């Protein structure tokens, strides 16, 4: 983590989706990075994929008791939903209320069912101050751009055309850099998830260089 944080300002913890981490582990990660480094933490699949946002207050409490040990270095929670999970206003509203009763920091949602594009879903996200992830590639029309609550932008770049493998071309990264620099006052995350063939690191470093130019 120390070596990584010497080159990058943030990281997305994806392993928390698959298994819990001890509070001491989060505390150790926080202690190993600089004061301005930030972590995004993916919400466990028990909550999003198994319980499907239903009756999971206890699981949310358990998860937050772990990752809150990051302290102020906890920058964002990522809530990724399964493609089969359609928007249900009552279920989503109850979940967001339970989450916000317990956690007031930044949070973003990566839905993968087209029903989440309806106006009621957008209004719910905005009311709960939750951003919608801009993903590439996205199964949703227009899903490549962040939406929802406008107080945060979160990009998850999975690689295209071959998801998780392909590197991004310079022209694509140059356009992305222009988009990011066009709104410098909004907290913005850009995570490269095209890790299967090792493209993510080079893409992230190239984007950072473009942002400095």
N, C-alpha and C. Protein backbone atom coordinates (compact mmCIF):
# COMPACT_ATOMS: atom_id res chain seq x y z
N UNK A 1 0.81 -1.20 0.00
CA UNK A 1 0.00 0.00 0.00
C UNK A 1 0.86 1.27 0.00
N UNK A 2 1.96 1.24 0.73
CA UNK A 2 2.84 2.42 0.76
C UNK A 2 3.39 2.72 -0.62
N UNK A 3 3.81 1.69 -1.33
CA UNK A 3 4.36 1.89 -2.67
C UNK A 3 3.28 2.42 -3.61
N UNK A 4 2.09 1.84 -3.54
CA UNK A 4 0.98 2.28 -4.38
C UNK A 4 0.64 3.75 -4.11
N UNK A 5 0.53 4.09 -2.83
CA UNK A 5 0.09 5.44 -2.48
C UNK A 5 1.13 6.50 -2.80
N UNK A 6 2.37 6.07 -3.07
CA UNK A 6 3.39 7.03 -3.49
C UNK A 6 3.15 7.50 -4.92
N UNK A 7 2.36 6.75 -5.70
CA UNK A 7 2.11 7.11 -7.09
C UNK A 7 0.69 7.57 -7.33
N UNK A 8 -0.26 7.08 -6.52
CA UNK A 8 -1.68 7.36 -6.77
C UNK A 8 -2.33 8.00 -5.54
N UNK A 9 -3.37 8.82 -5.75
CA UNK A 9 -4.00 9.51 -4.62
C UNK A 9 -5.15 8.75 -3.97
N UNK A 10 -5.57 7.63 -4.57
CA UNK A 10 -6.75 6.92 -4.07
C UNK A 10 -6.73 5.48 -4.56
N UNK A 11 -7.56 4.65 -3.91
CA UNK A 11 -7.70 3.26 -4.33
C UNK A 11 -9.12 2.80 -4.03
N UNK A 12 -9.60 1.87 -4.84
CA UNK A 12 -10.90 1.24 -4.59
C UNK A 12 -10.66 -0.14 -4.02
N UNK A 13 -11.17 -0.39 -2.82
CA UNK A 13 -11.06 -1.71 -2.19
C UNK A 13 -12.20 -2.57 -2.71
N UNK A 14 -11.88 -3.50 -3.58
CA UNK A 14 -12.88 -4.38 -4.18
C UNK A 14 -13.06 -5.67 -3.39
N UNK A 15 -12.03 -6.05 -2.65
CA UNK A 15 -12.08 -7.32 -1.91
C UNK A 15 -13.16 -7.33 -0.83
N UNK A 16 -13.55 -6.15 -0.35
CA UNK A 16 -14.60 -6.07 0.67
C UNK A 16 -15.95 -6.56 0.14
N UNK A 17 -16.10 -6.61 -1.18
CA UNK A 17 -17.32 -7.14 -1.79
C UNK A 17 -17.43 -8.64 -1.52
N UNK A 18 -16.29 -9.33 -1.49
CA UNK A 18 -16.28 -10.79 -1.40
C UNK A 18 -16.14 -11.31 0.03
N UNK A 19 -15.47 -10.56 0.88
CA UNK A 19 -15.24 -11.05 2.24
C UNK A 19 -15.02 -9.87 3.18
N UNK A 20 -15.35 -10.03 4.44
CA UNK A 20 -15.11 -8.93 5.40
C UNK A 20 -13.63 -8.80 5.73
N UNK A 21 -13.23 -7.60 6.11
CA UNK A 21 -11.89 -7.35 6.62
C UNK A 21 -11.99 -6.89 8.07
N UNK A 22 -11.05 -7.30 8.87
CA UNK A 22 -11.06 -6.91 10.27
C UNK A 22 -10.88 -5.40 10.40
N UNK A 23 -11.50 -4.79 11.41
CA UNK A 23 -11.29 -3.35 11.62
C UNK A 23 -9.80 -2.99 11.71
N UNK A 24 -9.00 -3.87 12.31
CA UNK A 24 -7.57 -3.59 12.43
C UNK A 24 -6.90 -3.53 11.06
N UNK A 25 -7.42 -4.28 10.09
CA UNK A 25 -6.85 -4.25 8.74
C UNK A 25 -7.08 -2.89 8.10
N UNK A 26 -8.32 -2.39 8.22
CA UNK A 26 -8.61 -1.05 7.69
C UNK A 26 -7.76 0.01 8.39
N UNK A 27 -7.61 -0.11 9.69
CA UNK A 27 -6.81 0.85 10.44
C UNK A 27 -5.35 0.82 9.97
N UNK A 28 -4.84 -0.38 9.70
CA UNK A 28 -3.46 -0.50 9.24
C UNK A 28 -3.29 0.13 7.86
N UNK A 29 -4.28 -0.09 6.98
CA UNK A 29 -4.22 0.55 5.66
C UNK A 29 -4.22 2.07 5.80
N UNK A 30 -5.06 2.58 6.66
CA UNK A 30 -5.12 4.03 6.83
C UNK A 30 -3.79 4.58 7.33
N UNK A 31 -3.17 3.86 8.24
CA UNK A 31 -1.89 4.32 8.80
C UNK A 31 -0.74 4.26 7.80
N UNK A 32 -0.91 3.49 6.74
CA UNK A 32 0.20 3.27 5.81
C UNK A 32 0.25 4.28 4.67
N UNK A 33 -0.72 5.20 4.61
CA UNK A 33 -0.78 6.15 3.49
C UNK A 33 -0.75 7.58 4.00
N UNK A 34 -0.54 8.52 3.09
CA UNK A 34 -0.47 9.93 3.45
C UNK A 34 -1.84 10.47 3.89
N UNK A 35 -1.82 11.62 4.52
CA UNK A 35 -3.05 12.20 5.07
C UNK A 35 -4.09 12.50 4.01
N UNK A 36 -3.66 12.83 2.79
CA UNK A 36 -4.61 13.20 1.75
C UNK A 36 -5.03 12.03 0.86
N UNK A 37 -4.56 10.83 1.16
CA UNK A 37 -4.94 9.65 0.40
C UNK A 37 -6.35 9.22 0.82
N UNK A 38 -7.13 8.71 -0.17
CA UNK A 38 -8.51 8.32 0.12
C UNK A 38 -8.82 6.92 -0.41
N UNK A 39 -9.70 6.22 0.31
CA UNK A 39 -10.16 4.87 -0.05
C UNK A 39 -11.63 4.91 -0.44
N UNK A 40 -11.96 4.25 -1.52
CA UNK A 40 -13.35 3.87 -1.81
C UNK A 40 -13.50 2.40 -1.42
N UNK A 41 -14.61 2.06 -0.81
CA UNK A 41 -14.80 0.69 -0.32
C UNK A 41 -16.10 0.13 -0.91
N UNK A 42 -16.00 -1.03 -1.52
CA UNK A 42 -17.16 -1.65 -2.15
C UNK A 42 -18.01 -2.37 -1.11
N UNK A 43 -19.30 -2.10 -1.14
CA UNK A 43 -20.25 -2.69 -0.20
C UNK A 43 -20.34 -4.20 -0.45
N UNK A 44 -20.42 -5.01 0.60
CA UNK A 44 -20.41 -6.47 0.44
C UNK A 44 -21.57 -7.02 -0.39
N UNK A 45 -21.29 -8.11 -1.10
CA UNK A 45 -22.31 -8.73 -1.94
C UNK A 45 -23.43 -9.34 -1.11
N UNK A 46 -23.18 -9.62 0.17
CA UNK A 46 -24.27 -10.08 1.03
C UNK A 46 -25.41 -9.07 1.05
N UNK A 47 -25.06 -7.80 1.00
CA UNK A 47 -26.04 -6.72 1.04
C UNK A 47 -26.68 -6.51 -0.33
N UNK A 48 -25.82 -6.44 -1.37
CA UNK A 48 -26.31 -6.04 -2.69
C UNK A 48 -26.84 -7.19 -3.53
N UNK A 49 -26.20 -8.35 -3.44
CA UNK A 49 -26.54 -9.45 -4.33
C UNK A 49 -27.33 -10.57 -3.65
N UNK A 50 -27.07 -10.80 -2.37
CA UNK A 50 -27.77 -11.88 -1.67
C UNK A 50 -29.05 -11.36 -1.00
N UNK A 51 -28.93 -10.31 -0.20
CA UNK A 51 -30.13 -9.72 0.41
C UNK A 51 -30.85 -8.79 -0.56
N UNK A 52 -30.15 -8.32 -1.61
CA UNK A 52 -30.72 -7.45 -2.64
C UNK A 52 -31.35 -6.20 -2.01
N UNK A 53 -30.61 -5.64 -1.05
CA UNK A 53 -30.94 -4.40 -0.35
C UNK A 53 -32.06 -4.55 0.67
N UNK A 54 -32.57 -5.75 0.87
CA UNK A 54 -33.71 -5.97 1.76
C UNK A 54 -33.26 -6.41 3.16
N UNK A 55 -33.81 -5.76 4.17
CA UNK A 55 -33.62 -6.20 5.56
C UNK A 55 -32.15 -6.49 5.89
N UNK A 56 -31.30 -5.53 5.60
CA UNK A 56 -29.87 -5.76 5.78
C UNK A 56 -29.23 -4.73 6.70
N UNK A 57 -30.02 -4.14 7.59
CA UNK A 57 -29.47 -3.12 8.49
C UNK A 57 -28.33 -3.66 9.35
N UNK A 58 -28.48 -4.90 9.82
CA UNK A 58 -27.42 -5.48 10.64
C UNK A 58 -26.14 -5.67 9.86
N UNK A 59 -26.26 -6.08 8.60
CA UNK A 59 -25.08 -6.24 7.76
C UNK A 59 -24.42 -4.90 7.46
N UNK A 60 -25.24 -3.86 7.28
CA UNK A 60 -24.69 -2.52 7.06
C UNK A 60 -23.93 -2.06 8.30
N UNK A 61 -24.51 -2.30 9.48
CA UNK A 61 -23.82 -1.94 10.72
C UNK A 61 -22.47 -2.64 10.83
N UNK A 62 -22.46 -3.92 10.51
CA UNK A 62 -21.22 -4.69 10.61
C UNK A 62 -20.17 -4.17 9.63
N UNK A 63 -20.59 -3.92 8.39
CA UNK A 63 -19.67 -3.41 7.38
C UNK A 63 -19.11 -2.05 7.78
N UNK A 64 -19.97 -1.15 8.22
CA UNK A 64 -19.51 0.19 8.59
C UNK A 64 -18.60 0.15 9.82
N UNK A 65 -18.84 -0.77 10.73
CA UNK A 65 -17.97 -0.86 11.90
C UNK A 65 -16.55 -1.27 11.50
N UNK A 66 -16.45 -1.97 10.37
CA UNK A 66 -15.13 -2.37 9.87
C UNK A 66 -14.46 -1.22 9.11
N UNK A 67 -15.10 -0.75 8.05
CA UNK A 67 -14.43 0.21 7.16
C UNK A 67 -14.34 1.61 7.77
N UNK A 68 -15.11 1.89 8.81
CA UNK A 68 -15.01 3.21 9.45
C UNK A 68 -13.66 3.40 10.13
N UNK A 69 -12.91 2.32 10.30
CA UNK A 69 -11.58 2.44 10.88
C UNK A 69 -10.60 3.15 9.94
N UNK A 70 -11.03 3.39 8.71
CA UNK A 70 -10.23 4.23 7.82
C UNK A 70 -10.27 5.69 8.23
N UNK A 71 -11.23 6.05 9.08
CA UNK A 71 -11.34 7.43 9.53
C UNK A 71 -11.64 8.38 8.39
N UNK A 72 -11.01 9.54 8.40
CA UNK A 72 -11.28 10.53 7.35
C UNK A 72 -10.74 10.10 5.99
N UNK A 73 -9.96 9.02 5.96
CA UNK A 73 -9.45 8.52 4.68
C UNK A 73 -10.47 7.64 3.96
N UNK A 74 -11.61 7.36 4.59
CA UNK A 74 -12.72 6.71 3.90
C UNK A 74 -13.39 7.77 3.02
N UNK A 75 -13.14 7.68 1.72
CA UNK A 75 -13.61 8.72 0.82
C UNK A 75 -14.95 8.45 0.19
N UNK A 76 -15.34 7.18 0.02
CA UNK A 76 -16.58 6.89 -0.69
C UNK A 76 -16.95 5.42 -0.51
N UNK A 77 -18.24 5.15 -0.49
CA UNK A 77 -18.75 3.78 -0.56
C UNK A 77 -19.28 3.52 -1.96
N UNK A 78 -18.95 2.35 -2.51
CA UNK A 78 -19.44 1.94 -3.82
C UNK A 78 -20.47 0.83 -3.64
N UNK A 79 -21.66 1.08 -4.14
CA UNK A 79 -22.77 0.11 -4.06
C UNK A 79 -23.04 -0.40 -5.47
N UNK A 80 -22.53 -1.58 -5.79
CA UNK A 80 -22.74 -2.15 -7.13
C UNK A 80 -23.85 -3.19 -7.07
N UNK A 81 -24.84 -3.03 -7.93
CA UNK A 81 -25.99 -3.93 -7.93
C UNK A 81 -25.87 -4.98 -9.02
N UNK A 82 -26.49 -6.15 -8.82
CA UNK A 82 -26.49 -7.17 -9.87
C UNK A 82 -27.36 -6.75 -11.05
N UNK A 83 -27.06 -7.24 -12.25
CA UNK A 83 -27.86 -6.86 -13.42
C UNK A 83 -29.34 -7.22 -13.29
N UNK A 84 -29.65 -8.21 -12.47
CA UNK A 84 -31.04 -8.66 -12.33
C UNK A 84 -31.85 -7.82 -11.34
N UNK A 85 -31.21 -6.90 -10.63
CA UNK A 85 -31.92 -6.15 -9.59
C UNK A 85 -32.55 -4.90 -10.18
N UNK A 86 -33.86 -4.98 -10.40
CA UNK A 86 -34.60 -3.85 -10.94
C UNK A 86 -34.88 -2.81 -9.86
N UNK A 87 -35.18 -1.60 -10.29
CA UNK A 87 -35.50 -0.53 -9.36
C UNK A 87 -36.85 -0.78 -8.71
N UNK A 88 -36.87 -0.76 -7.39
CA UNK A 88 -38.09 -0.82 -6.60
C UNK A 88 -38.01 0.35 -5.63
N UNK A 89 -38.88 1.31 -5.80
CA UNK A 89 -38.76 2.56 -5.04
C UNK A 89 -38.83 2.33 -3.53
N UNK A 90 -39.69 1.43 -3.09
CA UNK A 90 -39.84 1.18 -1.66
C UNK A 90 -38.58 0.52 -1.09
N UNK A 91 -38.07 -0.48 -1.80
CA UNK A 91 -36.88 -1.19 -1.32
C UNK A 91 -35.66 -0.26 -1.33
N UNK A 92 -35.46 0.42 -2.44
CA UNK A 92 -34.30 1.32 -2.55
C UNK A 92 -34.40 2.45 -1.54
N UNK A 93 -35.59 3.01 -1.39
CA UNK A 93 -35.75 4.11 -0.44
C UNK A 93 -35.46 3.69 0.98
N UNK A 94 -35.93 2.52 1.37
CA UNK A 94 -35.66 2.03 2.73
C UNK A 94 -34.18 1.78 2.94
N UNK A 95 -33.51 1.23 1.92
CA UNK A 95 -32.08 0.96 2.06
C UNK A 95 -31.29 2.26 2.17
N UNK A 96 -31.57 3.22 1.30
CA UNK A 96 -30.83 4.48 1.35
C UNK A 96 -31.07 5.22 2.67
N UNK A 97 -32.29 5.14 3.18
CA UNK A 97 -32.57 5.77 4.47
C UNK A 97 -31.77 5.11 5.58
N UNK A 98 -31.75 3.77 5.57
CA UNK A 98 -30.97 3.04 6.59
C UNK A 98 -29.49 3.37 6.49
N UNK A 99 -28.98 3.45 5.27
CA UNK A 99 -27.57 3.78 5.07
C UNK A 99 -27.27 5.19 5.57
N UNK A 100 -28.11 6.14 5.20
CA UNK A 100 -27.86 7.52 5.57
C UNK A 100 -28.07 7.77 7.07
N UNK A 101 -28.86 6.96 7.72
CA UNK A 101 -28.97 7.06 9.18
C UNK A 101 -27.67 6.69 9.87
N UNK A 102 -26.84 5.94 9.17
CA UNK A 102 -25.61 5.40 9.76
C UNK A 102 -24.34 6.01 9.18
N UNK A 103 -24.42 6.59 7.99
CA UNK A 103 -23.23 7.04 7.27
C UNK A 103 -23.58 8.27 6.45
N UNK A 104 -22.84 9.35 6.65
CA UNK A 104 -23.14 10.60 5.96
C UNK A 104 -22.11 10.98 4.90
N UNK A 105 -21.10 10.14 4.68
CA UNK A 105 -20.07 10.46 3.70
C UNK A 105 -20.52 10.19 2.27
N UNK A 106 -19.59 10.34 1.34
CA UNK A 106 -19.90 10.13 -0.06
C UNK A 106 -20.24 8.67 -0.34
N UNK A 107 -21.20 8.47 -1.24
CA UNK A 107 -21.61 7.13 -1.66
C UNK A 107 -22.06 7.21 -3.10
N UNK A 108 -21.81 6.14 -3.86
CA UNK A 108 -22.24 6.07 -5.25
C UNK A 108 -22.85 4.70 -5.51
N UNK A 109 -23.74 4.67 -6.51
CA UNK A 109 -24.44 3.46 -6.89
C UNK A 109 -24.09 3.09 -8.32
N UNK A 110 -23.77 1.82 -8.55
CA UNK A 110 -23.56 1.32 -9.92
C UNK A 110 -24.66 0.31 -10.22
N UNK A 111 -25.83 0.80 -10.69
CA UNK A 111 -26.90 -0.12 -11.07
C UNK A 111 -26.63 -0.68 -12.46
N UNK A 112 -27.17 -1.87 -12.74
CA UNK A 112 -26.94 -2.48 -14.04
C UNK A 112 -28.22 -3.01 -14.67
N UNK A 113 -29.36 -2.52 -14.15
CA UNK A 113 -30.66 -2.83 -14.74
C UNK A 113 -31.26 -1.53 -15.26
N UNK A 114 -31.79 -1.52 -16.49
CA UNK A 114 -32.24 -0.25 -17.10
C UNK A 114 -33.35 0.46 -16.35
N UNK A 115 -34.06 -0.24 -15.48
CA UNK A 115 -35.14 0.41 -14.73
C UNK A 115 -34.62 1.50 -13.80
N UNK A 116 -33.33 1.49 -13.49
CA UNK A 116 -32.75 2.51 -12.63
C UNK A 116 -32.58 3.84 -13.33
N UNK A 117 -32.93 3.92 -14.62
CA UNK A 117 -32.83 5.17 -15.35
C UNK A 117 -34.10 6.01 -15.25
N UNK A 118 -35.15 5.49 -14.62
CA UNK A 118 -36.40 6.25 -14.53
C UNK A 118 -36.22 7.46 -13.63
N UNK A 119 -37.11 8.44 -13.82
CA UNK A 119 -36.99 9.69 -13.08
C UNK A 119 -37.10 9.48 -11.57
N UNK A 120 -37.94 8.52 -11.13
CA UNK A 120 -38.09 8.28 -9.70
C UNK A 120 -36.79 7.80 -9.07
N UNK A 121 -36.03 6.99 -9.79
CA UNK A 121 -34.75 6.51 -9.27
C UNK A 121 -33.75 7.65 -9.15
N UNK A 122 -33.70 8.50 -10.17
CA UNK A 122 -32.80 9.66 -10.12
C UNK A 122 -33.17 10.58 -8.97
N UNK A 123 -34.46 10.82 -8.78
CA UNK A 123 -34.89 11.68 -7.69
C UNK A 123 -34.53 11.08 -6.33
N UNK A 124 -34.65 9.77 -6.22
CA UNK A 124 -34.31 9.10 -4.97
C UNK A 124 -32.81 9.24 -4.67
N UNK A 125 -31.98 9.05 -5.69
CA UNK A 125 -30.55 9.20 -5.52
C UNK A 125 -30.19 10.64 -5.12
N UNK A 126 -30.81 11.58 -5.77
CA UNK A 126 -30.53 12.97 -5.46
C UNK A 126 -30.96 13.32 -4.04
N UNK A 127 -32.12 12.81 -3.62
CA UNK A 127 -32.59 13.08 -2.27
C UNK A 127 -31.70 12.47 -1.20
N UNK A 128 -31.08 11.34 -1.52
CA UNK A 128 -30.19 10.67 -0.56
C UNK A 128 -28.73 11.10 -0.72
N UNK A 129 -28.48 12.03 -1.64
CA UNK A 129 -27.11 12.50 -1.91
C UNK A 129 -26.19 11.35 -2.29
N UNK A 130 -26.66 10.55 -3.25
CA UNK A 130 -25.90 9.41 -3.75
C UNK A 130 -25.70 9.58 -5.25
N UNK A 131 -24.45 9.52 -5.70
CA UNK A 131 -24.17 9.62 -7.12
C UNK A 131 -24.40 8.31 -7.84
N UNK A 132 -24.57 8.40 -9.15
CA UNK A 132 -24.64 7.20 -9.98
C UNK A 132 -23.36 7.08 -10.78
N UNK A 133 -22.77 5.91 -10.74
CA UNK A 133 -21.48 5.67 -11.38
C UNK A 133 -21.59 5.82 -12.89
N UNK A 134 -20.57 6.43 -13.50
CA UNK A 134 -20.40 6.38 -14.93
C UNK A 134 -19.47 5.23 -15.26
N UNK A 135 -19.98 4.18 -15.89
CA UNK A 135 -19.21 2.96 -16.14
C UNK A 135 -18.92 2.81 -17.63
N UNK A 136 -17.75 2.26 -17.94
CA UNK A 136 -17.41 1.94 -19.32
C UNK A 136 -16.82 0.54 -19.37
N UNK A 137 -17.42 -0.35 -20.19
CA UNK A 137 -18.70 -0.17 -20.86
C UNK A 137 -19.86 -0.30 -19.87
N UNK A 138 -20.99 0.28 -20.24
CA UNK A 138 -22.16 0.23 -19.36
C UNK A 138 -23.30 -0.48 -20.07
N UNK A 139 -24.06 -1.32 -19.34
CA UNK A 139 -25.23 -1.94 -19.94
C UNK A 139 -26.42 -1.00 -20.05
N UNK A 140 -26.28 0.22 -19.53
CA UNK A 140 -27.37 1.18 -19.50
C UNK A 140 -27.16 2.28 -20.54
N UNK A 141 -28.18 2.67 -21.27
CA UNK A 141 -28.04 3.80 -22.19
C UNK A 141 -27.63 5.07 -21.42
N UNK A 142 -26.54 5.68 -21.83
CA UNK A 142 -26.06 6.86 -21.13
C UNK A 142 -25.37 6.56 -19.82
N UNK A 143 -25.19 5.29 -19.51
CA UNK A 143 -24.60 4.90 -18.23
C UNK A 143 -23.11 5.13 -18.14
N UNK A 144 -22.50 5.64 -19.21
CA UNK A 144 -21.07 5.92 -19.17
C UNK A 144 -20.76 7.26 -18.53
N UNK A 145 -21.80 8.03 -18.19
CA UNK A 145 -21.61 9.33 -17.56
C UNK A 145 -22.17 9.32 -16.14
N UNK A 146 -21.45 9.91 -15.19
CA UNK A 146 -21.98 9.99 -13.83
C UNK A 146 -23.31 10.76 -13.81
N UNK A 147 -24.18 10.35 -12.91
CA UNK A 147 -25.50 10.99 -12.80
C UNK A 147 -25.95 10.88 -11.34
N UNK A 148 -27.26 10.97 -11.12
CA UNK A 148 -27.76 10.97 -9.75
C UNK A 148 -27.45 12.28 -9.06
N UNK A 149 -27.03 12.21 -7.79
CA UNK A 149 -26.67 13.42 -7.05
C UNK A 149 -25.42 14.06 -7.68
N UNK A 150 -25.47 15.36 -8.01
CA UNK A 150 -24.35 15.98 -8.72
C UNK A 150 -23.18 16.38 -7.83
N UNK A 151 -23.23 16.04 -6.55
CA UNK A 151 -22.16 16.44 -5.64
C UNK A 151 -20.95 15.54 -5.67
N UNK A 152 -20.98 14.49 -6.50
CA UNK A 152 -19.82 13.60 -6.65
C UNK A 152 -19.88 12.99 -8.05
N UNK A 153 -18.71 12.78 -8.62
CA UNK A 153 -18.60 12.06 -9.90
C UNK A 153 -17.70 10.83 -9.66
N UNK A 154 -18.14 9.71 -10.18
CA UNK A 154 -17.39 8.46 -9.99
C UNK A 154 -17.40 7.70 -11.30
N UNK A 155 -16.21 7.52 -11.89
CA UNK A 155 -16.05 6.76 -13.12
C UNK A 155 -15.42 5.40 -12.79
N UNK A 156 -16.00 4.32 -13.34
CA UNK A 156 -15.41 2.99 -13.23
C UNK A 156 -15.18 2.49 -14.66
N UNK A 157 -13.92 2.33 -15.02
CA UNK A 157 -13.54 2.04 -16.39
C UNK A 157 -13.05 0.61 -16.48
N UNK A 158 -13.91 -0.24 -17.06
CA UNK A 158 -13.68 -1.69 -17.05
C UNK A 158 -12.87 -2.19 -18.24
N UNK A 159 -12.58 -1.31 -19.20
CA UNK A 159 -11.85 -1.73 -20.39
C UNK A 159 -12.78 -1.96 -21.56
N UNK A 160 -12.38 -1.46 -22.73
CA UNK A 160 -13.22 -1.59 -23.92
C UNK A 160 -12.30 -1.62 -25.15
N UNK A 161 -12.55 -2.50 -26.11
CA UNK A 161 -13.76 -3.31 -26.30
C UNK A 161 -13.79 -4.61 -25.49
N UNK A 162 -12.65 -5.12 -25.06
CA UNK A 162 -12.67 -6.37 -24.30
C UNK A 162 -12.68 -6.03 -22.82
N UNK A 163 -13.82 -6.25 -22.19
CA UNK A 163 -14.01 -5.82 -20.81
C UNK A 163 -12.99 -6.51 -19.90
N UNK A 164 -12.45 -5.73 -18.99
CA UNK A 164 -11.45 -6.12 -17.98
C UNK A 164 -10.05 -6.33 -18.57
N UNK A 165 -9.91 -6.36 -19.89
CA UNK A 165 -8.62 -6.64 -20.51
C UNK A 165 -8.07 -5.45 -21.30
N UNK A 166 -8.91 -4.83 -22.14
CA UNK A 166 -8.43 -3.84 -23.09
C UNK A 166 -7.89 -2.59 -22.41
N UNK A 167 -6.78 -2.08 -22.95
CA UNK A 167 -6.29 -0.77 -22.56
C UNK A 167 -7.04 0.30 -23.34
N UNK A 168 -7.04 1.51 -22.81
CA UNK A 168 -7.70 2.63 -23.48
C UNK A 168 -6.72 3.36 -24.38
N UNK A 169 -7.21 3.79 -25.54
CA UNK A 169 -6.38 4.54 -26.47
C UNK A 169 -6.16 5.96 -25.96
N UNK A 170 -5.07 6.57 -26.42
CA UNK A 170 -4.73 7.91 -25.98
C UNK A 170 -5.84 8.91 -26.28
N UNK A 171 -6.47 8.80 -27.45
CA UNK A 171 -7.52 9.75 -27.80
C UNK A 171 -8.68 9.67 -26.82
N UNK A 172 -9.00 8.46 -26.37
CA UNK A 172 -10.10 8.28 -25.41
C UNK A 172 -9.71 8.88 -24.06
N UNK A 173 -8.48 8.64 -23.62
CA UNK A 173 -8.02 9.19 -22.35
C UNK A 173 -7.92 10.71 -22.41
N UNK A 174 -7.54 11.25 -23.55
CA UNK A 174 -7.46 12.70 -23.69
C UNK A 174 -8.84 13.33 -23.55
N UNK A 175 -9.86 12.73 -24.13
CA UNK A 175 -11.22 13.24 -23.98
C UNK A 175 -11.69 13.14 -22.53
N UNK A 176 -11.35 12.03 -21.88
CA UNK A 176 -11.71 11.87 -20.48
C UNK A 176 -11.04 12.94 -19.63
N UNK A 177 -9.79 13.21 -19.88
CA UNK A 177 -9.08 14.24 -19.13
C UNK A 177 -9.75 15.60 -19.29
N UNK A 178 -10.22 15.89 -20.49
CA UNK A 178 -10.93 17.17 -20.71
C UNK A 178 -12.22 17.21 -19.90
N UNK A 179 -12.94 16.08 -19.84
CA UNK A 179 -14.18 16.02 -19.05
C UNK A 179 -13.89 16.24 -17.57
N UNK A 180 -12.84 15.61 -17.08
CA UNK A 180 -12.52 15.72 -15.66
C UNK A 180 -12.10 17.15 -15.30
N UNK A 181 -11.32 17.78 -16.16
CA UNK A 181 -10.83 19.12 -15.88
C UNK A 181 -11.91 20.18 -16.05
N UNK A 182 -13.00 19.84 -16.77
CA UNK A 182 -14.07 20.80 -17.00
C UNK A 182 -14.86 21.11 -15.73
N UNK A 183 -14.79 20.26 -14.72
CA UNK A 183 -15.53 20.47 -13.48
C UNK A 183 -14.61 20.18 -12.29
N UNK A 184 -13.63 21.05 -12.07
CA UNK A 184 -12.61 20.75 -11.05
C UNK A 184 -13.11 20.88 -9.62
N UNK A 185 -14.27 21.48 -9.41
CA UNK A 185 -14.74 21.72 -8.05
C UNK A 185 -15.58 20.58 -7.48
N UNK A 186 -15.99 19.64 -8.32
CA UNK A 186 -16.79 18.51 -7.85
C UNK A 186 -15.86 17.35 -7.49
N UNK A 187 -15.97 16.78 -6.29
CA UNK A 187 -15.16 15.60 -5.94
C UNK A 187 -15.34 14.51 -6.99
N UNK A 188 -14.24 14.02 -7.53
CA UNK A 188 -14.28 13.10 -8.66
C UNK A 188 -13.35 11.92 -8.43
N UNK A 189 -13.88 10.72 -8.68
CA UNK A 189 -13.11 9.49 -8.64
C UNK A 189 -13.03 8.92 -10.05
N UNK A 190 -11.88 8.35 -10.38
CA UNK A 190 -11.73 7.66 -11.67
C UNK A 190 -10.94 6.38 -11.41
N UNK A 191 -11.62 5.26 -11.47
CA UNK A 191 -11.04 3.96 -11.15
C UNK A 191 -10.93 3.12 -12.42
N UNK A 192 -9.73 2.63 -12.71
CA UNK A 192 -9.53 1.72 -13.83
C UNK A 192 -9.63 0.29 -13.32
N UNK A 193 -10.57 -0.44 -13.91
CA UNK A 193 -10.84 -1.82 -13.50
C UNK A 193 -10.42 -2.82 -14.57
N UNK A 194 -9.68 -2.35 -15.57
CA UNK A 194 -9.20 -3.23 -16.65
C UNK A 194 -7.88 -3.88 -16.23
N UNK A 195 -7.99 -4.71 -15.20
CA UNK A 195 -6.81 -5.27 -14.54
C UNK A 195 -6.41 -6.65 -15.03
N UNK A 196 -7.28 -7.33 -15.78
CA UNK A 196 -7.04 -8.74 -16.11
C UNK A 196 -5.75 -8.94 -16.92
N UNK A 197 -5.43 -7.99 -17.77
CA UNK A 197 -4.19 -8.07 -18.56
C UNK A 197 -3.19 -7.00 -18.16
N UNK A 198 -3.42 -6.38 -17.02
CA UNK A 198 -2.46 -5.42 -16.49
C UNK A 198 -2.50 -4.03 -17.09
N UNK A 199 -3.61 -3.66 -17.75
CA UNK A 199 -3.67 -2.36 -18.42
C UNK A 199 -3.98 -1.21 -17.47
N UNK A 200 -4.56 -1.50 -16.32
CA UNK A 200 -5.08 -0.44 -15.46
C UNK A 200 -4.00 0.54 -14.99
N UNK A 201 -2.87 0.02 -14.57
CA UNK A 201 -1.84 0.89 -14.02
C UNK A 201 -1.33 1.88 -15.06
N UNK A 202 -1.02 1.40 -16.25
CA UNK A 202 -0.52 2.28 -17.30
C UNK A 202 -1.58 3.31 -17.71
N UNK A 203 -2.84 2.88 -17.79
CA UNK A 203 -3.90 3.82 -18.14
C UNK A 203 -4.05 4.91 -17.09
N UNK A 204 -3.99 4.52 -15.82
CA UNK A 204 -4.13 5.50 -14.74
C UNK A 204 -2.98 6.50 -14.74
N UNK A 205 -1.76 6.00 -14.94
CA UNK A 205 -0.62 6.89 -14.98
C UNK A 205 -0.70 7.84 -16.18
N UNK A 206 -1.15 7.34 -17.32
CA UNK A 206 -1.29 8.18 -18.51
C UNK A 206 -2.34 9.26 -18.26
N UNK A 207 -3.47 8.90 -17.67
CA UNK A 207 -4.51 9.89 -17.39
C UNK A 207 -3.99 10.96 -16.42
N UNK A 208 -3.26 10.57 -15.40
CA UNK A 208 -2.71 11.53 -14.47
C UNK A 208 -1.76 12.49 -15.17
N UNK A 209 -0.97 11.98 -16.11
CA UNK A 209 -0.07 12.85 -16.87
C UNK A 209 -0.86 13.83 -17.72
N UNK A 210 -1.93 13.37 -18.33
CA UNK A 210 -2.78 14.25 -19.14
C UNK A 210 -3.44 15.32 -18.27
N UNK A 211 -3.81 14.96 -17.06
CA UNK A 211 -4.45 15.92 -16.17
C UNK A 211 -3.47 17.02 -15.76
N UNK A 212 -2.19 16.68 -15.70
CA UNK A 212 -1.18 17.68 -15.33
C UNK A 212 -0.84 18.62 -16.46
N UNK A 213 -1.03 18.16 -17.72
CA UNK A 213 -0.67 18.97 -18.89
C UNK A 213 -1.58 20.20 -19.01
